[in-house]
Amino acid sequence: MKNDGKMSFRDFIFPINPAVIRIQHRKKLAVQSVPFGNDNISDSGVAGRVITGEGEFAGAGCINDFLALKQTAMKGPGMLYIPSQEPIYAYAENIELKASDMEGAVGYSFRFIEQKEHPGKSPRFAEGNGTACLWDYAWRYGADIDLLLSLNPHIRRPDMPVSAAERVRLC
């Protein structure tokens, strides 16, 4: 799902998409060196992706944009929307201020790490809380987003928060 072409994390929407976004796909490999022989390599499956990038906030409020990103990132994990990619549940490992021109533009870099495993099983319904969107519920309960969209026709945009007055049907 595309988030209107804007990158976002939790409730922070980047005013200008980062200039560089890198998505690293990794495997969990353990290498055991054997003297005078071949190494033994054990494959434990796919690891969470690492998303790094850099960009610039510009304009009079540029430092406030950076501070808002930093504050959001430090709150904990959440949904990360990257243009032209499926959303992922991730932790912000690092947010770095990279420039010193605090009035006209500030550079930044980031590093997000995907959490691969879902924290719980799916009940029949979930109560909206005003901050989580349908993508959040899909990740939290390991549900397919297309199934959730078909079960919840009252929710038109899966990237918008579900109000506290609404229920989300999960199965």
C-alpha atoms as a PDB file:
ATOM      1  CA  MET A   1       0.000   0.000   0.000  1.00  0.00           C
ATOM      2  CA  LYS A   2       1.308   3.417  -0.862  1.00  0.00           C
ATOM      3  CA  ASN A   3       0.861   6.166   1.705  1.00  0.00           C
ATOM      4  CA  ASP A   4      -0.018   8.910  -0.797  1.00  0.00           C
ATOM      5  CA  GLY A   5       3.606   8.789  -1.963  1.00  0.00           C
ATOM      6  CA  LYS A   6       4.918  10.069   1.387  1.00  0.00           C
ATOM      7  CA  MET A   7       7.211   8.215   3.738  1.00  0.00           C
ATOM      8  CA  SER A   8       5.941   8.059   7.316  1.00  0.00           C
ATOM      9  CA  PHE A   9       6.689   6.398  10.626  1.00  0.00           C
ATOM     10  CA  ARG A  10       3.995   6.011  13.268  1.00  0.00           C
ATOM     11  CA  ASP A  11       2.175   9.384  13.084  1.00  0.00           C
ATOM     12  CA  PHE A  12       5.062  11.381  11.562  1.00  0.00           C
ATOM     13  CA  ILE A  13       4.763  12.101   7.827  1.00  0.00           C
ATOM     14  CA  PHE A  14       7.950  13.280   6.149  1.00  0.00           C
ATOM     15  CA  PRO A  15       7.172  16.671   4.527  1.00  0.00           C
ATOM     16  CA  ILE A  16       9.688  15.830   1.789  1.00  0.00           C
ATOM     17  CA  ASN A  17      10.613  12.217   1.097  1.00  0.00           C
ATOM     18  CA  PRO A  18      14.223  11.317   1.929  1.00  0.00           C
ATOM     19  CA  ALA A  19      16.644  11.766  -0.976  1.00  0.00           C
ATOM     20  CA  VAL A  20      18.092   8.289  -0.395  1.00  0.00           C
ATOM     21  CA  ILE A  21      16.342   5.185   0.920  1.00  0.00           C
ATOM     22  CA  ARG A  22      18.156   1.853   1.112  1.00  0.00           C
ATOM     23  CA  ILE A  23      16.405  -1.426   1.943  1.00  0.00           C
ATOM     24  CA  GLN A  24      18.748  -4.213   2.968  1.00  0.00           C
ATOM     25  CA  HIS A  25      17.384  -7.769   2.835  1.00  0.00           C
ATOM     26  CA  ARG A  26      19.276 -10.081   5.170  1.00  0.00           C
ATOM     27  CA  LYS A  27      19.526 -13.738   6.147  1.00  0.00           C
ATOM     28  CA  LYS A  28      20.365 -15.173   9.539  1.00  0.00           C
ATOM     29  CA  LEU A  29      23.581 -17.088   8.902  1.00  0.00           C
ATOM     30  CA  ALA A  30      25.959 -18.611  11.416  1.00  0.00           C
ATOM     31  CA  VAL A  31      29.440 -19.375  10.136  1.00  0.00           C
ATOM     32  CA  GLN A  32      31.634 -21.825  12.009  1.00  0.00           C
ATOM     33  CA  SER A  33      35.235 -21.900  10.844  1.00  0.00           C
ATOM     34  CA  VAL A  34      36.817 -25.315  10.634  1.00  0.00           C
ATOM     35  CA  PRO A  35      40.625 -25.409  10.715  1.00  0.00           C
ATOM     36  CA  PHE A  36      42.089 -26.839   7.501  1.00  0.00           C
ATOM     37  CA  GLY A  37      38.609 -27.409   6.074  1.00  0.00           C
ATOM     38  CA  ASN A  38      35.534 -25.731   4.701  1.00  0.00           C
ATOM     39  CA  ASP A  39      33.441 -23.426   6.856  1.00  0.00           C
ATOM     40  CA  ASN A  40      30.130 -24.763   8.160  1.00  0.00           C
ATOM     41  CA  ILE A  41      27.294 -22.373   7.378  1.00  0.00           C
ATOM     42  CA  SER A  42      23.935 -22.667   9.079  1.00  0.00           C
ATOM     43  CA  ASP A  43      20.926 -20.860   7.589  1.00  0.00           C
ATOM     44  CA  SER A  44      18.306 -19.831  10.165  1.00  0.00           C
ATOM     45  CA  GLY A  45      15.999 -18.025   7.752  1.00  0.00           C
ATOM     46  CA  VAL A  46      15.252 -14.442   6.803  1.00  0.00           C
ATOM     47  CA  ALA A  47      16.110 -11.595   9.171  1.00  0.00           C
ATOM     48  CA  GLY A  48      14.246  -8.315   9.395  1.00  0.00           C
ATOM     49  CA  ARG A  49      15.049  -5.763   6.734  1.00  0.00           C
ATOM     50  CA  VAL A  50      17.219  -2.772   7.574  1.00  0.00           C
ATOM     51  CA  ILE A  51      16.028   0.530   6.105  1.00  0.00           C
ATOM     52  CA  THR A  52      18.522   3.379   6.032  1.00  0.00           C
ATOM     53  CA  GLY A  53      18.425   6.714   4.343  1.00  0.00           C
ATOM     54  CA  GLU A  54      19.076  10.392   4.440  1.00  0.00           C
ATOM     55  CA  GLY A  55      17.387  13.569   3.448  1.00  0.00           C
ATOM     56  CA  GLU A  56      16.824  17.166   4.312  1.00  0.00           C
ATOM     57  CA  PHE A  57      14.124  19.218   5.989  1.00  0.00           C
ATOM     58  CA  ALA A  58      13.912  22.719   4.531  1.00  0.00           C
ATOM     59  CA  GLY A  59      12.214  25.974   5.424  1.00  0.00           C
ATOM     60  CA  ALA A  60      11.644  28.040   8.544  1.00  0.00           C
ATOM     61  CA  GLY A  61      10.446  25.084  10.643  1.00  0.00           C
ATOM     62  CA  CYS A  62      13.073  22.601   9.489  1.00  0.00           C
ATOM     63  CA  ILE A  63      14.578  21.994  12.932  1.00  0.00           C
ATOM     64  CA  ASN A  64      11.066  21.444  14.324  1.00  0.00           C
ATOM     65  CA  ASP A  65      10.475  18.792  11.648  1.00  0.00           C
ATOM     66  CA  PHE A  66      13.638  17.012  12.760  1.00  0.00           C
ATOM     67  CA  LEU A  67      12.673  17.255  16.443  1.00  0.00           C
ATOM     68  CA  ALA A  68       9.198  15.853  15.688  1.00  0.00           C
ATOM     69  CA  LEU A  69      10.769  12.920  13.802  1.00  0.00           C
ATOM     70  CA  LYS A  70      13.182  12.276  16.680  1.00  0.00           C
ATOM     71  CA  GLN A  71      10.401  12.397  19.279  1.00  0.00           C
ATOM     72  CA  THR A  72       8.209  10.021  17.264  1.00  0.00           C
ATOM     73  CA  ALA A  73      11.088   7.621  16.650  1.00  0.00           C
ATOM     74  CA  MET A  74      11.971   7.417  20.335  1.00  0.00           C
ATOM     75  CA  LYS A  75       8.409   6.415  21.332  1.00  0.00           C
ATOM     76  CA  GLY A  76       8.923   2.830  20.198  1.00  0.00           C
ATOM     77  CA  PRO A  77       8.085   0.612  17.233  1.00  0.00           C
ATOM     78  CA  GLY A  78       5.393   1.360  14.687  1.00  0.00           C
ATOM     79  CA  MET A  79       4.351   1.118  11.085  1.00  0.00           C
ATOM     80  CA  LEU A  80       6.892   2.401   8.579  1.00  0.00           C
ATOM     81  CA  TYR A  81       5.503   3.430   5.196  1.00  0.00           C
ATOM     82  CA  ILE A  82       7.994   3.675   2.357  1.00  0.00           C
ATOM     83  CA  PRO A  83       6.844   4.883  -1.072  1.00  0.00           C
ATOM     84  CA  SER A  84       6.111   1.988  -3.456  1.00  0.00           C
ATOM     85  CA  GLN A  85       6.637  -0.635  -0.707  1.00  0.00           C
ATOM     86  CA  GLU A  86       4.362  -2.606   1.585  1.00  0.00           C
ATOM     87  CA  PRO A  87       4.323  -1.085   5.092  1.00  0.00           C
ATOM     88  CA  ILE A  88       6.437  -2.827   7.704  1.00  0.00           C
ATOM     89  CA  TYR A  89       6.488  -2.863  11.490  1.00  0.00           C
ATOM     90  CA  ALA A  90       9.835  -1.440  12.555  1.00  0.00           C
ATOM     91  CA  TYR A  91      11.944   0.063  15.302  1.00  0.00           C
ATOM     92  CA  ALA A  92      13.814   3.319  14.750  1.00  0.00           C
ATOM     93  CA  GLU A  93      17.342   2.432  15.794  1.00  0.00           C
ATOM     94  CA  ASN A  94      19.003   5.710  14.892  1.00  0.00           C
ATOM     95  CA  ILE A  95      17.915   9.234  13.924  1.00  0.00           C
ATOM     96  CA  GLU A  96      20.813  11.613  13.302  1.00  0.00           C
ATOM     97  CA  LEU A  97      20.976  15.373  12.710  1.00  0.00           C
ATOM     98  CA  LYS A  98      23.557  15.923   9.970  1.00  0.00           C
ATOM     99  CA  ALA A  99      23.639  19.656   9.278  1.00  0.00           C
ATOM    100  CA  SER A 100      24.134  22.822  11.261  1.00  0.00           C
ATOM    101  CA  ASP A 101      22.125  25.441   9.283  1.00  0.00           C
ATOM    102  CA  MET A 102      19.194  25.442  11.714  1.00  0.00           C
ATOM    103  CA  GLU A 103      17.237  28.182   9.917  1.00  0.00           C
ATOM    104  CA  GLY A 104      17.242  27.189   6.253  1.00  0.00           C
ATOM    105  CA  ALA A 105      17.770  23.444   6.080  1.00  0.00           C
ATOM    106  CA  VAL A 106      18.883  20.529   8.199  1.00  0.00           C
ATOM    107  CA  GLY A 107      20.106  17.166   7.006  1.00  0.00           C
ATOM    108  CA  TYR A 108      19.215  13.926   8.728  1.00  0.00           C
ATOM    109  CA  SER A 109      19.795  10.206   8.460  1.00  0.00           C
ATOM    110  CA  PHE A 110      17.887   7.243   9.851  1.00  0.00           C
ATOM    111  CA  ARG A 111      18.094   3.506  10.416  1.00  0.00           C
ATOM    112  CA  PHE A 112      14.988   1.369  10.946  1.00  0.00           C
ATOM    113  CA  ILE A 113      14.985  -2.364  11.666  1.00  0.00           C
ATOM    114  CA  GLU A 114      11.981  -4.485  10.753  1.00  0.00           C
ATOM    115  CA  GLN A 115      10.463  -6.742  13.384  1.00  0.00           C
ATOM    116  CA  LYS A 116       9.608  -9.945  11.540  1.00  0.00           C
ATOM    117  CA  GLU A 117       7.414 -11.736  14.061  1.00  0.00           C
ATOM    118  CA  HIS A 118       3.902 -10.798  15.032  1.00  0.00           C
ATOM    119  CA  PRO A 119       3.221 -10.240  18.742  1.00  0.00           C
ATOM    120  CA  GLY A 120      -0.144 -11.998  18.967  1.00  0.00           C
ATOM    121  CA  LYS A 121      -2.920 -14.110  17.538  1.00  0.00           C
ATOM    122  CA  SER A 122      -6.096 -12.696  16.105  1.00  0.00           C
ATOM    123  CA  PRO A 123      -9.306 -12.300  18.096  1.00  0.00           C
ATOM    124  CA  ARG A 124     -12.542 -11.803  16.156  1.00  0.00           C
ATOM    125  CA  PHE A 125     -12.727  -8.009  16.608  1.00  0.00           C
ATOM    126  CA  ALA A 126     -10.471  -5.190  17.766  1.00  0.00           C
ATOM    127  CA  GLU A 127     -11.602  -1.841  19.113  1.00  0.00           C
ATOM    128  CA  GLY A 128     -10.351   1.270  17.316  1.00  0.00           C
ATOM    129  CA  ASN A 129      -8.172   3.513  19.454  1.00  0.00           C
ATOM    130  CA  GLY A 130      -7.916   6.640  17.309  1.00  0.00           C
ATOM    131  CA  THR A 131      -4.201   6.181  16.540  1.00  0.00           C
ATOM    132  CA  ALA A 132      -3.801   2.734  14.922  1.00  0.00           C
ATOM    133  CA  CYS A 133      -4.653   2.252  11.250  1.00  0.00           C
ATOM    134  CA  LEU A 134      -5.769  -0.911   9.446  1.00  0.00           C
ATOM    135  CA  TRP A 135      -2.148  -1.690   8.534  1.00  0.00           C
ATOM    136  CA  ASP A 136      -1.314  -1.651  12.256  1.00  0.00           C
ATOM    137  CA  TYR A 137      -4.087  -4.169  12.966  1.00  0.00           C
ATOM    138  CA  ALA A 138      -2.956  -6.345  10.057  1.00  0.00           C
ATOM    139  CA  TRP A 139       0.561  -6.489  11.429  1.00  0.00           C
ATOM    140  CA  ARG A 140      -0.444  -6.845  15.095  1.00  0.00           C
ATOM    141  CA  TYR A 141      -2.692  -9.836  14.431  1.00  0.00           C
ATOM    142  CA  GLY A 142      -0.872 -11.358  11.459  1.00  0.00           C
ATOM    143  CA  ALA A 143      -3.849 -10.735   9.172  1.00  0.00           C
ATOM    144  CA  ASP A 144      -3.834 -10.158   5.425  1.00  0.00           C
ATOM    145  CA  ILE A 145      -4.556  -6.506   4.600  1.00  0.00           C
ATOM    146  CA  ASP A 146      -6.794  -7.410   1.649  1.00  0.00           C
ATOM    147  CA  LEU A 147      -8.903  -9.629   3.919  1.00  0.00           C
ATOM    148  CA  LEU A 148      -9.215  -6.819   6.487  1.00  0.00           C
ATOM    149  CA  LEU A 149     -10.277  -4.387   3.767  1.00  0.00           C
ATOM    150  CA  SER A 150     -12.971  -6.774   2.566  1.00  0.00           C
ATOM    151  CA  LEU A 151     -14.197  -7.418   6.134  1.00  0.00           C
ATOM    152  CA  ASN A 152     -14.290  -3.698   6.965  1.00  0.00           C
ATOM    153  CA  PRO A 153     -15.912  -1.837   4.055  1.00  0.00           C
ATOM    154  CA  HIS A 154     -16.565   1.132   6.373  1.00  0.00           C
ATOM    155  CA  ILE A 155     -12.798   1.757   6.453  1.00  0.00           C
ATOM    156  CA  ARG A 156     -11.908   3.412   3.169  1.00  0.00           C
ATOM    157  CA  ARG A 157      -8.227   4.174   3.795  1.00  0.00           C
ATOM    158  CA  PRO A 158      -6.079   1.555   5.518  1.00  0.00           C
ATOM    159  CA  ASP A 159      -3.405   4.161   6.281  1.00  0.00           C
ATOM    160  CA  MET A 160      -5.699   6.439   8.336  1.00  0.00           C
ATOM    161  CA  PRO A 161      -6.361   5.928  12.083  1.00  0.00           C
ATOM    162  CA  VAL A 162      -9.465   3.955  13.023  1.00  0.00           C
ATOM    163  CA  SER A 163     -11.561   6.050  15.414  1.00  0.00           C
ATOM    164  CA  ALA A 164     -12.205   4.882  18.964  1.00  0.00           C
ATOM    165  CA  ALA A 165     -15.901   4.534  18.083  1.00  0.00           C
ATOM    166  CA  GLU A 166     -15.229   1.883  15.387  1.00  0.00           C
ATOM    167  CA  ARG A 167     -14.604  -1.843  15.573  1.00  0.00           C
ATOM    168  CA  VAL A 168     -12.244  -3.646  13.239  1.00  0.00           C
ATOM    169  CA  ARG A 169     -13.363  -7.098  12.151  1.00  0.00           C
ATOM    170  CA  LEU A 170     -10.316  -9.370  11.983  1.00  0.00           C
ATOM    171  CA  CYS A 171     -11.753 -12.677  10.750  1.00  0.00           C
END
